[in-house]
């Protein structure tokens, strides 16, 4: 090995040499020669090995040191399903290669690019970003090798990339592809990615697993509350098990933060009741995707030191969403607590609702979680469910996203990639026909696809925005209403995590602070007001904290806004506003209708509930909505399924705007009969009644005339005599 770094042309640092010794201990490092043997001989290959072996950090490095892409002006890409993984792995690899992050090694996310054109030769990126690059360059010509990582996650983007990259490789013999997985059916995947058909499976490198034993323990009986059971299990481990850190899986960030607080409080109480010197120090660290990167890095901190010299060693408890299942490897974890549930995205195409439901995990996920305990030494996995439930209630694999997602964005991306026949696209698992039809229907009503399913000029512009098609449409339509400046801000605010902070012990104060920002016309305009106040207060973090607002989410919104503004400028979309505040509110809401006209609900007078248009789902407004009244018509951003269906992020609209700006969707002749139709077309109903009345009167007059003409002269005389009488 040379003392000179082949990439920076500088001598290797002492730190590099120390890290190299750690790298050589990784199981994947011993397979480098075998990997390069297959890699150099074949254009496409599959690497399978359990989580934590070092595939994500080492395989792309093996490629770089062997292929030296920088000498050819090329780039090696490594895709990740999660943006946090792309960032953290890129940082680790830059350290291992003794180069600066953002220079030779970088990362690229949806609204953040830490790479340098002409210098970066190894780029970690989210899988959707590689699709966006393919939309601009169909052959991905600047890449020499693409490593498709974590394909077992089966994200929408990964399921598009596998057939897409295989087709590109057939047209580019100089492009190498490495597909990496932790748990999938090896032979099925080998056949699917093969360039010469399923009869000639792609070559496979199967990495040896770890030798550390993980003991799996089940409950004898199911528990009524997995959260309370998880907290009890953490303290049972803390008091009765030997040294080692704990990893607890929970369903979402709110649950993670709440349980973290409870564990901290319980640990303080233990400290008060017992001799502090005899109590093992305990630190609790949350982990979820909404945390800023520096806080996420805390999971790699060592466990706390003993309180006294010779006292018991400290213990670290990491409480995580399923993010820690595969994306990050945490040294020191010896005990895993697995409640057996996760928040999973589900989509109901019939009512066009995508929501997150707490559901049992799969057996594959359970095995992944257990494997986190045996990374560096023997460990234990405590499953908070029975062995019978594991065998009978858990599916073998988590259903891929393609089978449980709204496909509108996916279909638009495929259309931009030149794939018109979506139904016969070579999916590894084809989506439900109804889901595809709903996506095609939405894109047709938005004007992105024509009646033949082909991309329109408007659809081409919409596909260029890294946001949902509805938001892209309202952004493109906004200059027509002189409010593109404001709609740009609203779209940015809708594209980031929740800006409202609501700490468990300060919910009343947080709700009161939020109420001060509430705009009477709706939540979309409230988000606009919050962003404007944030900018006017010079991005002050203390102002955010005092108003229970997330400074990080607002900073993200500013970054997103800047990126979207560049896309608008590229497409010559004007940035305009309206000086009259009352008129501005109306214009913004009309622009919202141009994108979200299919997400509208009408109030039922008798019950005070709402009915979604066309689908007639009975819903209520979520408690977080800031509207003072319950308007007759509302446009919503989210349909949330919890104990009952709710609408969240809601704004008042007028029915005449729906008829004016979405006439094809709100066509009276095709609109389903019912309460909403009667409310939407009241004038036309009155016209019909008047016409009916007029026709009835005319018919009555005609019958009377006929009777008179048919009666004889003597009869008419009798009638005249009776009138005189």
Foldseek 3Di string as FASTA:
>chain_A
DDQAQPQVRHGADPLLVVVVVVVCPQLVVVCLVVVVVQQVVDQEEEEEAAFQSCCQQPVLVSCCVVVVLLVVQAAEEEADQAPLLQQVSQCVNCSNSVHDELFQTYEDEQLDGSHDRSGHRYYYYHLVVVLLVCLVPVLSVRHQEYEYEACLLQALSSLVVLVSVLVSCVVPVRYHYYYYHYDDDVLLSQQQNDNVHNVHGHYYDYGDYDPFAAAEAEDPAADPDLLVVQLVVVVCCQVPPAFFAEEEEDADDVSQVVSQVVSVVVLVVVCVVDPVQAHAAEHEQEDDSQDPSVSNCCLQDDFDQRPDVVYGGHYYYYYYYCCVLHSDQHPRAAEYEAAQWYWDWAADLLLGAIETDIDGAALVSVVSRSVSNPNPHHHYYYYNHHPVCNVPVHHHGDPRVLAGDQCLLVLLSCLSSVNQCLQPPSGSDHYDPSSVVSSLVLCCLLVQADPSSHGDPLSNLLNSQPAGSLLSSLLLCLVVLQANQQSLLLRLLVPFPDFAAQDPVCNVVSLVLLLVLFDQQFLSVSSSSVLVVCVVVVLDPVVSVNSRTDSVRSVSSVSSSVVVVVSCVVVVRDNGHDPDPVSRSQSSVLSSCSRQVQQKWFADVPPRWIARFQSGDTEHADPSINHPDSDGMKGADHFYDDVHTHGYGIGDDDLVSSCVNRVVVVPLVPGDDDDVSCVSPVVVVVVVVVVVVVVVVVVVVVVVVVVVVPDDPVVVVVVVVVVVD
